Amino acid sequence: MAKFTYVGVTTGGKQVKGEIEAGSAKEASSLLSKKRVRTLSMKPKALELQLPLMGSGVKLQDIGRFTRQFAAMTSAGLPLVQCLDILANQTESKLLGKTISQVSGDIQGGSTLADSLSKHPKVFNSLYCNMVAAGEASGSLDTILIRLAEYQEKSQALRRKIKGAMSYPAILAIVCVVVVGIMLTFVVPTFAQMFSDIGGTLPLPTRIVMGISDFLRGNIIFIIVILIGAGIGFGAYYRTEPGRLVIDNLRLNLPAIGNLERKSAVSRFSQTLSTLLSSGVTILDALSITAKTAGNAVLEKGLMRTLEKITGGQTIAEPLKETGVFPPMVIHMIAVGEKTGDLSGMLSKIAQFYNEEVDAAVDALTSMLEPIMIVVMGAFIGGILIAMYMPMFSMMDVAG
């Protein structure tokens, strides 16, 4: 299949342009005719050289801002193509602007908004496209977009909380490693040379620190290569299905951090499933999408197993209990929501409750990790300094 760019005229006399995939130019013109578009010009699309990018290259914040603005413009009654053209020109992200322009061209070619968005899965995920499809089918696209914008804003807020909880301890750890590395590489050798000139037997702590310093200076390149290799190996292992399961299960069971990970997973699950169900997406599709966007392999596997059992006629609550991720209170509230027919509303309440729980867990984790990291940092640096000064104290005693 080749891609062609075209310019055509609709039955209403409006000129449209865009891209279409077909086996030949003649077939492309035939497909446009079925969409009631008369072709004015047709030519093969020029090949583009694209460099591989990490991720989509589009920030979640940019997508959330686009969705909020798109919702406001559609609520005001502006045509979709006009909304998209305006947003494509004013967005700060060049890649997002190019993507929106392509979506606009596909819509002008006769595609639905959901189908046009689904051609760009790295920018608009399955959750986004399915909600838009539900909004188009129900005639309430503006309402769905507002709901989607709110969901994205809440997801970003949750992500910021977790990053905020881990950033300060991570910075302290990096500073500690850098300071200790500098001391062992540059400061300790200066003392070692001075002690060597003086002679005599050095205290055991001093000899240990000097030995570590010699090893670090003599094998620094080898150590860096090992660390880089370990990082690459860890990333490769995590990209495998068994690796993700092992590491994500470990994340859920780590002391302190596991509690935050579990609560954020429950909050994300509840918010996503509630948003999809309230937007008119079927329970089976909603669970499938929620599993793919769960962010944890253990939860994803449990949700897919839940999906299989629901298809077999079971309720949602019992299979979710078997995942081992959800607390009994959450399982009970989901069961009540199923019985009362208000599962979406109950999930929304769970998400709201666990958002507050995440706040509390972040505060508790931060207040616990900060003093621990400061004590560890002080112990390393202070230990090196004491080890280096011990021979000086011995010499002062002898001189005295």
Protein backbone atom coordinates (compact mmCIF):
# COMPACT_ATOMS: atom_id res chain seq x y z
CA MET A 1 0.00 0.00 0.00
CA ALA A 2 1.28 3.44 -0.97
CA LYS A 3 0.36 6.86 0.42
CA PHE A 4 -1.01 9.60 -1.84
CA THR A 5 -1.66 13.27 -1.20
CA TYR A 6 -4.75 14.65 -2.90
CA VAL A 7 -6.82 17.77 -3.44
CA GLY A 8 -10.53 17.30 -4.05
CA VAL A 9 -13.98 18.85 -3.89
CA THR A 10 -16.91 17.57 -1.83
CA THR A 11 -20.48 17.41 -3.09
CA GLY A 12 -21.10 20.66 -1.23
CA GLY A 13 -18.41 22.43 -3.26
CA LYS A 14 -15.86 22.64 -0.45
CA GLN A 15 -12.21 22.05 -1.37
CA VAL A 16 -10.46 19.43 0.77
CA LYS A 17 -6.95 17.99 0.89
CA GLY A 18 -5.29 15.17 2.75
CA GLU A 19 -3.59 11.77 2.53
CA ILE A 20 -4.96 8.36 1.60
CA GLU A 21 -3.50 4.85 1.43
CA ALA A 22 -4.19 2.74 -1.68
CA GLY A 23 -2.56 0.31 -4.08
CA SER A 24 -2.50 2.87 -6.91
CA ALA A 25 -3.59 6.42 -7.75
CA LYS A 26 -6.63 5.04 -9.60
CA GLU A 27 -7.68 3.03 -6.54
CA ALA A 28 -7.17 6.09 -4.33
CA SER A 29 -9.45 8.17 -6.61
CA SER A 30 -12.05 5.39 -6.46
CA LEU A 31 -11.95 5.35 -2.66
CA LEU A 32 -12.41 9.12 -2.56
CA SER A 33 -15.36 8.87 -4.97
CA LYS A 34 -17.07 6.49 -2.53
CA LYS A 35 -16.63 9.21 0.11
CA ARG A 36 -18.23 11.69 -2.32
CA VAL A 37 -15.00 13.56 -2.97
CA ARG A 38 -14.12 14.43 -6.58
CA THR A 39 -10.35 14.33 -7.13
CA LEU A 40 -8.68 17.43 -8.54
CA SER A 41 -5.07 16.27 -8.14
CA MET A 42 -3.37 13.14 -6.86
CA LYS A 43 0.33 12.40 -6.37
CA PRO A 44 2.41 9.90 -4.41
CA LYS A 45 3.54 11.18 -1.03
CA ALA A 46 7.26 11.93 -0.86
CA LEU A 47 9.27 9.65 1.40
CA GLU A 48 10.26 11.23 4.71
CA LEU A 49 13.36 10.42 6.69
CA GLN A 50 12.33 10.05 10.32
CA LEU A 51 14.81 9.54 13.13
CA PRO A 52 13.72 7.22 15.94
CA LEU A 53 12.38 9.06 18.98
CA MET A 54 12.15 8.04 22.59
CA GLY A 55 8.42 7.74 23.24
CA SER A 56 6.07 9.93 21.23
CA GLY A 57 8.03 13.16 21.63
CA VAL A 58 4.83 14.86 22.84
CA LYS A 59 4.45 15.74 26.52
CA LEU A 60 1.30 14.65 28.34
CA GLN A 61 0.90 18.24 29.45
CA ASP A 62 0.67 19.37 25.80
CA ILE A 63 -1.92 16.70 24.99
CA GLY A 64 -3.95 17.69 28.06
CA ARG A 65 -3.87 21.36 27.08
CA PHE A 66 -4.90 20.47 23.51
CA THR A 67 -7.83 18.39 24.79
CA ARG A 68 -9.04 21.17 27.10
CA GLN A 69 -8.90 23.76 24.30
CA PHE A 70 -10.49 21.36 21.81
CA ALA A 71 -13.35 20.70 24.26
CA ALA A 72 -13.96 24.44 24.75
CA MET A 73 -14.02 25.11 20.99
CA THR A 74 -16.36 22.22 20.15
CA SER A 75 -18.67 23.28 23.00
CA ALA A 76 -18.84 26.71 21.34
CA GLY A 77 -20.13 25.06 18.15
CA LEU A 78 -17.05 25.46 15.91
CA PRO A 79 -16.60 22.79 13.18
CA LEU A 80 -14.07 20.05 13.94
CA VAL A 81 -11.74 20.88 11.05
CA GLN A 82 -11.66 24.56 11.98
CA CYS A 83 -10.91 23.70 15.62
CA LEU A 84 -8.09 21.38 14.64
CA ASP A 85 -6.55 23.84 12.18
CA ILE A 86 -6.52 26.59 14.83
CA LEU A 87 -5.02 24.30 17.47
CA ALA A 88 -2.39 22.93 15.05
CA ASN A 89 -1.10 26.46 14.45
CA GLN A 90 -1.02 27.59 18.09
CA THR A 91 0.40 24.51 19.86
CA GLU A 92 3.97 24.84 21.14
CA SER A 93 4.88 21.24 20.25
CA LYS A 94 5.83 20.97 16.57
CA LEU A 95 5.23 17.22 16.52
CA LEU A 96 1.78 17.60 18.08
CA GLY A 97 0.96 20.41 15.62
CA LYS A 98 1.97 18.20 12.69
CA THR A 99 -0.11 15.33 14.07
CA ILE A 100 -3.19 17.54 14.50
CA SER A 101 -2.79 18.79 10.91
CA GLN A 102 -2.72 15.20 9.67
CA VAL A 103 -5.84 14.40 11.72
CA SER A 104 -7.58 17.42 10.17
CA GLY A 105 -6.62 16.24 6.68
CA ASP A 106 -7.98 12.74 7.34
CA ILE A 107 -11.29 14.18 8.58
CA GLN A 108 -11.55 16.28 5.42
CA GLY A 109 -10.98 13.06 3.50
CA GLY A 110 -14.04 11.50 5.12
CA SER A 111 -12.64 9.72 8.20
CA THR A 112 -14.15 10.04 11.65
CA LEU A 113 -12.27 11.87 14.37
CA ALA A 114 -11.66 8.66 16.33
CA ASP A 115 -10.31 6.81 13.27
CA SER A 116 -8.06 9.76 12.41
CA LEU A 117 -6.67 9.91 15.96
CA SER A 118 -6.08 6.14 16.04
CA LYS A 119 -3.54 6.50 13.20
CA HIS A 120 -1.22 8.17 15.74
CA PRO A 121 -1.06 5.69 18.67
CA LYS A 122 2.16 7.20 20.08
CA VAL A 123 0.35 10.50 20.65
CA PHE A 124 -3.29 9.44 21.23
CA ASN A 125 -3.53 6.14 23.08
CA SER A 126 -6.38 3.60 22.93
CA LEU A 127 -8.16 5.20 25.90
CA TYR A 128 -8.24 8.58 24.14
CA CYS A 129 -9.48 7.13 20.82
CA ASN A 130 -12.16 4.93 22.39
CA MET A 131 -13.58 7.79 24.42
CA VAL A 132 -13.69 10.01 21.34
CA ALA A 133 -15.41 7.20 19.41
CA ALA A 134 -18.01 6.88 22.19
CA GLY A 135 -18.55 10.65 22.12
CA GLU A 136 -19.04 10.67 18.36
CA ALA A 137 -21.47 7.73 18.52
CA SER A 138 -23.57 9.34 21.29
CA GLY A 139 -23.46 12.87 19.83
CA SER A 140 -21.86 14.26 22.99
CA LEU A 141 -18.28 14.76 21.81
CA ASP A 142 -17.86 18.07 23.65
CA THR A 143 -18.90 16.48 26.96
CA ILE A 144 -16.58 13.51 26.42
CA LEU A 145 -13.65 15.81 25.59
CA ILE A 146 -14.20 17.79 28.79
CA ARG A 147 -14.30 14.54 30.76
CA LEU A 148 -11.16 13.36 28.99
CA ALA A 149 -9.37 16.64 29.75
CA GLU A 150 -10.29 16.32 33.45
CA TYR A 151 -9.03 12.72 33.47
CA GLN A 152 -5.70 13.76 31.95
CA GLU A 153 -5.29 16.60 34.43
CA LYS A 154 -5.93 14.26 37.37
CA SER A 155 -3.51 11.66 35.96
CA GLN A 156 -0.81 14.31 35.54
CA ALA A 157 -1.40 15.55 39.10
CA LEU A 158 -1.01 11.99 40.41
CA ARG A 159 2.20 11.51 38.41
CA ARG A 160 3.61 14.81 39.72
CA LYS A 161 2.90 13.76 43.31
CA ILE A 162 4.83 10.52 42.91
CA LYS A 163 7.72 12.20 41.10
CA GLY A 164 7.82 14.86 43.81
CA ALA A 165 8.05 12.20 46.50
CA MET A 166 11.05 10.56 44.85
CA SER A 167 12.91 13.57 43.44
CA TYR A 168 14.38 14.99 46.69
CA PRO A 169 15.78 11.66 47.99
CA ALA A 170 17.14 10.95 44.50
CA ILE A 171 18.90 14.33 44.40
CA LEU A 172 20.40 13.71 47.84
CA ALA A 173 21.61 10.25 46.73
CA ILE A 174 23.25 11.71 43.60
CA VAL A 175 24.93 14.48 45.62
CA CYS A 176 26.17 11.89 48.13
CA VAL A 177 27.65 9.68 45.40
CA VAL A 178 29.31 12.65 43.66
CA VAL A 179 30.79 14.07 46.89
CA VAL A 180 32.07 10.68 48.08
CA GLY A 181 33.52 9.99 44.62
CA ILE A 182 35.36 13.32 44.57
CA MET A 183 36.73 12.77 48.08
CA LEU A 184 37.94 9.25 47.28
CA THR A 185 39.44 10.30 43.93
CA PHE A 186 41.08 13.62 44.79
CA VAL A 187 41.10 14.31 48.55
CA VAL A 188 42.09 10.94 50.00
CA PRO A 189 45.14 10.48 47.69
CA THR A 190 46.52 13.80 48.97
CA PHE A 191 46.34 12.56 52.56
CA ALA A 192 47.73 9.17 51.51
CA GLN A 193 50.82 10.79 50.01
CA MET A 194 51.34 12.83 53.16
CA PHE A 195 51.02 9.75 55.42
CA SER A 196 53.38 7.80 53.15
CA ASP A 197 56.06 10.51 53.54
CA ILE A 198 55.70 10.48 57.31
CA GLY A 199 55.78 6.68 57.59
CA GLY A 200 54.52 4.55 60.45
CA THR A 201 51.51 2.24 60.85
CA LEU A 202 48.14 3.76 59.95
CA PRO A 203 44.86 3.00 61.79
CA LEU A 204 42.66 0.29 60.24
CA PRO A 205 39.82 2.70 59.13
CA THR A 206 42.40 4.87 57.34
CA ARG A 207 43.90 1.85 55.55
CA ILE A 208 40.40 0.70 54.45
CA VAL A 209 39.49 4.12 53.02
CA MET A 210 42.85 4.41 51.25
CA GLY A 211 42.39 0.91 49.78
CA ILE A 212 38.94 1.84 48.46
CA SER A 213 40.40 5.03 47.00
CA ASP A 214 43.22 3.12 45.23
CA PHE A 215 40.77 0.58 43.83
CA LEU A 216 38.40 3.32 42.58
CA ARG A 217 41.20 5.30 40.89
CA GLY A 218 42.73 2.22 39.30
CA ASN A 219 39.47 0.77 37.96
CA ILE A 220 37.30 3.84 37.31
CA ILE A 221 36.78 3.07 33.60
CA PHE A 222 36.01 -0.58 34.34
CA ILE A 223 33.48 0.45 37.03
CA ILE A 224 31.76 2.93 34.68
CA VAL A 225 31.51 0.25 31.95
CA ILE A 226 29.99 -2.20 34.44
CA LEU A 227 27.44 0.37 35.65
CA ILE A 228 26.42 1.27 32.08
CA GLY A 229 26.17 -2.41 31.15
CA ALA A 230 24.07 -3.11 34.25
CA GLY A 231 21.73 -0.25 33.34
CA ILE A 232 21.34 -1.48 29.76
CA GLY A 233 20.81 -5.05 30.98
CA PHE A 234 18.21 -3.95 33.50
CA GLY A 235 16.34 -2.00 30.81
CA ALA A 236 16.44 -4.96 28.42
CA TYR A 237 15.19 -7.32 31.14
CA TYR A 238 12.36 -4.94 32.09
CA ARG A 239 11.21 -4.83 28.47
CA THR A 240 10.55 -8.58 28.58
CA GLU A 241 7.21 -9.81 29.94
CA PRO A 242 8.71 -11.96 32.76
CA GLY A 243 11.05 -9.10 33.66
CA ARG A 244 8.22 -6.59 33.95
CA LEU A 245 6.23 -8.97 36.14
CA VAL A 246 9.17 -9.59 38.50
CA ILE A 247 10.19 -5.93 38.82
CA ASP A 248 6.65 -4.54 39.06
CA ASN A 249 5.78 -7.15 41.68
CA LEU A 250 8.89 -6.07 43.61
CA ARG A 251 7.79 -2.43 43.36
CA LEU A 252 4.43 -3.34 44.90
CA ASN A 253 6.06 -5.15 47.83
CA LEU A 254 8.91 -2.80 48.72
CA PRO A 255 8.70 -1.32 52.23
CA ALA A 256 7.18 2.19 52.24
CA ILE A 257 7.56 2.69 48.47
CA GLY A 258 5.34 -0.33 47.74
CA ASN A 259 2.49 1.22 49.74
CA LEU A 260 2.64 4.35 47.57
CA GLU A 261 2.88 2.26 44.38
CA ARG A 262 -0.16 0.16 45.35
CA LYS A 263 -2.31 3.16 46.24
CA SER A 264 -1.39 5.02 43.05
CA ALA A 265 -2.20 1.88 41.00
CA VAL A 266 -5.65 1.60 42.61
CA SER A 267 -6.30 5.32 42.08
CA ARG A 268 -5.22 5.16 38.42
CA PHE A 269 -7.34 2.04 37.77
CA SER A 270 -10.45 3.50 39.39
CA GLN A 271 -10.14 6.87 37.64
CA THR A 272 -9.55 5.31 34.21
CA LEU A 273 -12.34 2.73 34.41
CA SER A 274 -14.80 5.27 35.84
CA THR A 275 -14.06 7.76 33.06
CA LEU A 276 -14.48 5.13 30.34
CA LEU A 277 -17.73 3.70 31.73
CA SER A 278 -19.28 7.13 32.26
CA SER A 279 -18.38 7.99 28.65
CA GLY A 280 -20.40 5.07 27.27
CA VAL A 281 -17.59 2.58 26.61
CA THR A 282 -18.67 -1.04 27.22
CA ILE A 283 -17.35 -2.79 30.32
CA LEU A 284 -15.28 -5.28 28.28
CA ASP A 285 -13.63 -2.58 26.15
CA ALA A 286 -13.16 -0.38 29.22
CA LEU A 287 -11.37 -3.14 31.16
CA SER A 288 -9.17 -3.97 28.17
CA ILE A 289 -8.13 -0.32 27.79
CA THR A 290 -7.61 0.08 31.54
CA ALA A 291 -5.34 -2.97 31.57
CA LYS A 292 -3.17 -1.55 28.77
CA THR A 293 -2.81 1.77 30.58
CA ALA A 294 -2.42 0.31 34.10
CA GLY A 295 1.29 1.14 34.33
CA ASN A 296 2.03 -2.05 36.29
CA ALA A 297 2.47 -5.51 34.73
CA VAL A 298 1.02 -7.33 37.77
CA LEU A 299 -2.17 -5.25 37.64
CA GLU A 300 -2.32 -5.54 33.83
CA LYS A 301 -2.12 -9.34 33.99
CA GLY A 302 -4.77 -9.43 36.72
CA LEU A 303 -7.13 -7.21 34.74
CA MET A 304 -6.75 -9.34 31.60
CA ARG A 305 -7.58 -12.42 33.69
CA THR A 306 -10.57 -10.53 35.11
CA LEU A 307 -11.68 -9.72 31.57
CA GLU A 308 -11.59 -13.42 30.63
CA LYS A 309 -13.69 -14.38 33.66
CA ILE A 310 -16.23 -11.60 33.05
CA THR A 311 -16.64 -12.87 29.50
CA GLY A 312 -17.42 -16.25 31.08
CA GLY A 313 -20.21 -14.71 33.16
CA GLN A 314 -18.55 -13.79 36.45
CA THR A 315 -18.79 -10.45 38.24
CA ILE A 316 -15.90 -7.97 38.35
CA ALA A 317 -15.26 -7.95 42.09
CA GLU A 318 -14.25 -11.59 42.62
CA PRO A 319 -11.57 -11.80 39.88
CA LEU A 320 -10.14 -8.44 40.99
CA LYS A 321 -9.73 -9.84 44.50
CA GLU A 322 -7.50 -12.61 43.10
CA THR A 323 -4.99 -10.07 41.72
CA GLY A 324 -3.78 -9.32 45.25
CA VAL A 325 -3.44 -5.60 44.40
CA PHE A 326 -6.79 -4.27 45.61
CA PRO A 327 -7.59 -3.84 49.33
CA PRO A 328 -10.77 -5.53 50.67
CA MET A 329 -12.54 -2.15 50.98
CA VAL A 330 -12.10 -1.47 47.25
CA ILE A 331 -13.37 -4.95 46.30
CA HIS A 332 -16.42 -4.48 48.53
CA MET A 333 -17.23 -1.05 47.06
CA ILE A 334 -16.91 -2.40 43.50
CA ALA A 335 -19.26 -5.27 44.38
CA VAL A 336 -21.78 -2.78 45.78
CA GLY A 337 -21.45 -0.65 42.64
CA GLU A 338 -22.21 -3.68 40.47
CA LYS A 339 -25.28 -4.59 42.50
CA THR A 340 -26.68 -1.04 42.49
CA GLY A 341 -25.90 -0.48 38.80
CA ASP A 342 -23.69 2.54 39.56
CA LEU A 343 -20.23 1.06 39.07
CA SER A 344 -18.93 4.23 37.41
CA GLY A 345 -20.00 6.42 40.34
CA MET A 346 -18.55 4.02 42.90
CA LEU A 347 -15.22 3.88 41.05
CA SER A 348 -15.15 7.68 41.00
CA LYS A 349 -15.52 7.71 44.80
CA ILE A 350 -12.73 5.14 45.13
CA ALA A 351 -10.47 7.25 42.92
CA GLN A 352 -11.19 10.37 44.97
CA PHE A 353 -10.47 8.54 48.24
CA TYR A 354 -7.21 7.04 46.96
CA ASN A 355 -6.05 10.34 45.54
CA GLU A 356 -6.15 11.62 49.11
CA GLU A 357 -4.43 8.42 50.29
CA VAL A 358 -1.64 9.01 47.75
CA ASP A 359 -1.19 12.55 49.14
CA ALA A 360 -0.83 11.14 52.65
CA ALA A 361 1.53 8.38 51.45
CA VAL A 362 3.70 10.92 49.61
CA ASP A 363 3.98 13.09 52.73
CA ALA A 364 4.81 10.05 54.90
CA LEU A 365 7.41 8.74 52.45
CA THR A 366 9.07 12.14 52.04
CA SER A 367 9.23 12.77 55.79
CA MET A 368 10.79 9.32 56.30
CA LEU A 369 13.28 9.28 53.40
CA GLU A 370 14.70 12.79 53.88
CA PRO A 371 16.26 12.24 57.35
CA ILE A 372 17.42 8.72 56.36
CA MET A 373 19.23 10.06 53.28
CA ILE A 374 20.78 12.92 55.28
CA VAL A 375 22.02 10.49 57.96
CA VAL A 376 23.45 8.10 55.32
CA MET A 377 25.13 10.98 53.48
CA GLY A 378 26.59 12.31 56.73
CA ALA A 379 27.81 8.83 57.72
CA PHE A 380 29.71 8.30 54.45
CA ILE A 381 31.30 11.74 54.30
CA GLY A 382 31.92 11.93 58.04
CA GLY A 383 33.43 8.43 58.07
CA ILE A 384 35.91 9.33 55.34
CA LEU A 385 36.93 12.54 57.13
CA ILE A 386 37.37 10.80 60.49
CA ALA A 387 39.44 8.02 58.88
CA MET A 388 41.73 10.63 57.32
CA TYR A 389 42.15 12.63 60.53
CA MET A 390 42.79 9.65 62.84
CA PRO A 391 46.54 9.45 61.96
CA MET A 392 46.83 13.19 62.65
CA PHE A 393 45.31 12.74 66.08
CA SER A 394 47.80 9.90 66.77
CA MET A 395 50.73 12.10 65.70
CA MET A 396 49.49 14.93 67.93
CA ASP A 397 49.32 12.54 70.89
CA VAL A 398 52.89 11.36 70.19
CA ALA A 399 54.11 14.97 69.83
CA GLY A 400 52.36 15.88 73.07
